[in-house]
Amino acid sequence: MVKVWFCFDGPKVTRGGPAYELTVDECERKLGLTQGGLLTDLSTFPKFNVRSKVGEIAGYKYVVAEVGEDEAAPASLLAGYYYLQLDPEEVIESMGRQPAQPVP
């Protein structure tokens, strides 16, 4: 399953676990996962605006999909972290259900 993470600006990227776990197909259809969104391999979780001091105070701003080795090959993707062009509110709306983790 693809793990969908909501992320903050700053050195602390996220809190708790993933917001959603989806199939690759569902992530492509509902959230726009594409090969072009690859940020990094699985060895390093991506960070945004690392020097920002507002982080958690400003709330989640970014959405990242974690595609593991098992999900990647059959879908012609590379394993890694992918940037999704939706903000967290748009993801919640697209999913039609609340995330597993509370949204600050």
C-alpha atoms as a PDB file:
ATOM      1  CA  MET A   1       0.000   0.000   0.000  1.00  0.00           C
ATOM      2  CA  VAL A   2       1.076   3.566  -0.714  1.00  0.00           C
ATOM      3  CA  LYS A   3       1.378   5.666   2.433  1.00  0.00           C
ATOM      4  CA  VAL A   4       0.143   9.241   2.117  1.00  0.00           C
ATOM      5  CA  TRP A   5       1.806  11.701   4.479  1.00  0.00           C
ATOM      6  CA  PHE A   6       0.803  15.258   5.347  1.00  0.00           C
ATOM      7  CA  CYS A   7       3.926  17.372   5.917  1.00  0.00           C
ATOM      8  CA  PHE A   8       4.993  20.607   7.627  1.00  0.00           C
ATOM      9  CA  ASP A   9       7.557  23.219   6.724  1.00  0.00           C
ATOM     10  CA  GLY A  10      10.678  23.076   8.891  1.00  0.00           C
ATOM     11  CA  PRO A  11      12.936  20.415  10.356  1.00  0.00           C
ATOM     12  CA  LYS A  12      10.100  18.330  11.837  1.00  0.00           C
ATOM     13  CA  VAL A  13       8.313  17.037   8.747  1.00  0.00           C
ATOM     14  CA  THR A  14       5.300  15.190  10.111  1.00  0.00           C
ATOM     15  CA  ARG A  15       3.709  13.843  13.257  1.00  0.00           C
ATOM     16  CA  GLY A  16       2.335  10.366  13.875  1.00  0.00           C
ATOM     17  CA  GLY A  17       1.711   7.931  11.054  1.00  0.00           C
ATOM     18  CA  PRO A  18       0.467   8.296   7.503  1.00  0.00           C
ATOM     19  CA  ALA A  19      -2.846  10.038   6.860  1.00  0.00           C
ATOM     20  CA  TYR A  20      -3.995   7.333   4.434  1.00  0.00           C
ATOM     21  CA  GLU A  21      -2.894   4.021   2.964  1.00  0.00           C
ATOM     22  CA  LEU A  22      -4.048   3.403  -0.607  1.00  0.00           C
ATOM     23  CA  THR A  23      -3.374   1.207  -3.585  1.00  0.00           C
ATOM     24  CA  VAL A  24      -1.180   2.725  -6.298  1.00  0.00           C
ATOM     25  CA  ASP A  25      -4.191   2.837  -8.640  1.00  0.00           C
ATOM     26  CA  GLU A  26      -6.317   4.704  -6.094  1.00  0.00           C
ATOM     27  CA  CYS A  27      -3.468   7.133  -5.385  1.00  0.00           C
ATOM     28  CA  GLU A  28      -3.067   7.806  -9.111  1.00  0.00           C
ATOM     29  CA  ARG A  29      -6.813   8.297  -9.716  1.00  0.00           C
ATOM     30  CA  LYS A  30      -7.773  10.257  -6.630  1.00  0.00           C
ATOM     31  CA  LEU A  31      -4.586  12.114  -5.728  1.00  0.00           C
ATOM     32  CA  GLY A  32      -2.674  12.493  -8.983  1.00  0.00           C
ATOM     33  CA  LEU A  33       0.378  10.333  -8.241  1.00  0.00           C
ATOM     34  CA  THR A  34       2.690  10.448 -11.291  1.00  0.00           C
ATOM     35  CA  GLN A  35       6.243   9.386 -12.134  1.00  0.00           C
ATOM     36  CA  GLY A  36       7.190  13.053 -12.495  1.00  0.00           C
ATOM     37  CA  GLY A  37       6.484  13.723  -8.832  1.00  0.00           C
ATOM     38  CA  LEU A  38       9.426  11.669  -7.527  1.00  0.00           C
ATOM     39  CA  LEU A  39      11.286  13.660  -4.848  1.00  0.00           C
ATOM     40  CA  THR A  40      13.752  11.172  -3.376  1.00  0.00           C
ATOM     41  CA  ASP A  41      14.374   7.482  -2.845  1.00  0.00           C
ATOM     42  CA  LEU A  42      13.205   5.708   0.303  1.00  0.00           C
ATOM     43  CA  SER A  43      16.437   6.385   2.208  1.00  0.00           C
ATOM     44  CA  THR A  44      15.540  10.014   3.008  1.00  0.00           C
ATOM     45  CA  PHE A  45      12.139  11.453   3.886  1.00  0.00           C
ATOM     46  CA  PRO A  46      11.787  14.779   2.013  1.00  0.00           C
ATOM     47  CA  LYS A  47      11.803  18.053   3.951  1.00  0.00           C
ATOM     48  CA  PHE A  48      10.358  21.408   2.980  1.00  0.00           C
ATOM     49  CA  ASN A  49      11.705  24.852   3.938  1.00  0.00           C
ATOM     50  CA  VAL A  50      13.953  23.359   6.614  1.00  0.00           C
ATOM     51  CA  ARG A  51      14.804  26.716   8.194  1.00  0.00           C
ATOM     52  CA  SER A  52      11.172  27.664   8.736  1.00  0.00           C
ATOM     53  CA  LYS A  53      10.253  28.262  12.376  1.00  0.00           C
ATOM     54  CA  VAL A  54       6.480  27.974  11.908  1.00  0.00           C
ATOM     55  CA  GLY A  55       6.293  24.243  11.085  1.00  0.00           C
ATOM     56  CA  GLU A  56       3.528  22.681  13.153  1.00  0.00           C
ATOM     57  CA  ILE A  57       2.071  26.073  14.083  1.00  0.00           C
ATOM     58  CA  ALA A  58       1.177  26.762  10.450  1.00  0.00           C
ATOM     59  CA  GLY A  59      -0.270  23.271  10.015  1.00  0.00           C
ATOM     60  CA  TYR A  60       0.261  20.749   7.280  1.00  0.00           C
ATOM     61  CA  LYS A  61       1.080  22.258   3.874  1.00  0.00           C
ATOM     62  CA  TYR A  62       2.343  19.423   1.668  1.00  0.00           C
ATOM     63  CA  VAL A  63       1.328  15.910   0.688  1.00  0.00           C
ATOM     64  CA  VAL A  64       3.850  13.143  -0.002  1.00  0.00           C
ATOM     65  CA  ALA A  65       3.174   9.590  -1.175  1.00  0.00           C
ATOM     66  CA  GLU A  66       5.549   6.841  -0.056  1.00  0.00           C
ATOM     67  CA  VAL A  67       5.710   4.121  -2.711  1.00  0.00           C
ATOM     68  CA  GLY A  68       7.504   1.011  -1.498  1.00  0.00           C
ATOM     69  CA  GLU A  69       9.416  -1.553  -3.549  1.00  0.00           C
ATOM     70  CA  ASP A  70       6.443  -3.953  -3.663  1.00  0.00           C
ATOM     71  CA  GLU A  71       4.077  -1.325  -5.060  1.00  0.00           C
ATOM     72  CA  ALA A  72       6.538   0.377  -7.415  1.00  0.00           C
ATOM     73  CA  ALA A  73       7.531  -2.278  -9.951  1.00  0.00           C
ATOM     74  CA  PRO A  74       4.052  -3.459 -11.011  1.00  0.00           C
ATOM     75  CA  ALA A  75       3.001   0.188 -11.457  1.00  0.00           C
ATOM     76  CA  SER A  76       6.116   1.152 -13.475  1.00  0.00           C
ATOM     77  CA  LEU A  77       7.208   3.553 -10.728  1.00  0.00           C
ATOM     78  CA  LEU A  78      10.444   3.832  -8.801  1.00  0.00           C
ATOM     79  CA  ALA A  79      10.309   3.193  -5.071  1.00  0.00           C
ATOM     80  CA  GLY A  80      10.500   6.504  -3.254  1.00  0.00           C
ATOM     81  CA  TYR A  81       8.693   9.587  -2.013  1.00  0.00           C
ATOM     82  CA  TYR A  82       6.476  11.461  -4.456  1.00  0.00           C
ATOM     83  CA  TYR A  83       5.140  15.002  -4.198  1.00  0.00           C
ATOM     84  CA  LEU A  84       1.395  15.223  -4.725  1.00  0.00           C
ATOM     85  CA  GLN A  85       0.135  18.541  -6.110  1.00  0.00           C
ATOM     86  CA  LEU A  86      -2.844  18.672  -3.734  1.00  0.00           C
ATOM     87  CA  ASP A  87      -2.864  20.317  -0.331  1.00  0.00           C
ATOM     88  CA  PRO A  88      -4.061  18.309   2.696  1.00  0.00           C
ATOM     89  CA  GLU A  89      -7.600  19.753   2.569  1.00  0.00           C
ATOM     90  CA  GLU A  90      -7.954  18.769  -1.100  1.00  0.00           C
ATOM     91  CA  VAL A  91      -6.759  15.249  -0.295  1.00  0.00           C
ATOM     92  CA  ILE A  92      -9.335  14.877   2.487  1.00  0.00           C
ATOM     93  CA  GLU A  93     -12.054  16.103   0.117  1.00  0.00           C
ATOM     94  CA  SER A  94     -10.927  13.746  -2.638  1.00  0.00           C
ATOM     95  CA  MET A  95     -10.804  10.794  -0.260  1.00  0.00           C
ATOM     96  CA  GLY A  96     -14.271  11.516   1.167  1.00  0.00           C
ATOM     97  CA  ARG A  97     -13.176  10.451   4.641  1.00  0.00           C
ATOM     98  CA  GLN A  98     -11.095  11.796   7.477  1.00  0.00           C
ATOM     99  CA  PRO A  99      -7.403  10.845   7.682  1.00  0.00           C
ATOM    100  CA  ALA A 100      -6.121   8.262  10.140  1.00  0.00           C
ATOM    101  CA  GLN A 101      -4.113  10.998  11.893  1.00  0.00           C
ATOM    102  CA  PRO A 102      -5.740  14.211  13.181  1.00  0.00           C
ATOM    103  CA  VAL A 103      -4.972  17.335  11.155  1.00  0.00           C
ATOM    104  CA  PRO A 104      -3.670  20.248  13.263  1.00  0.00           C
END
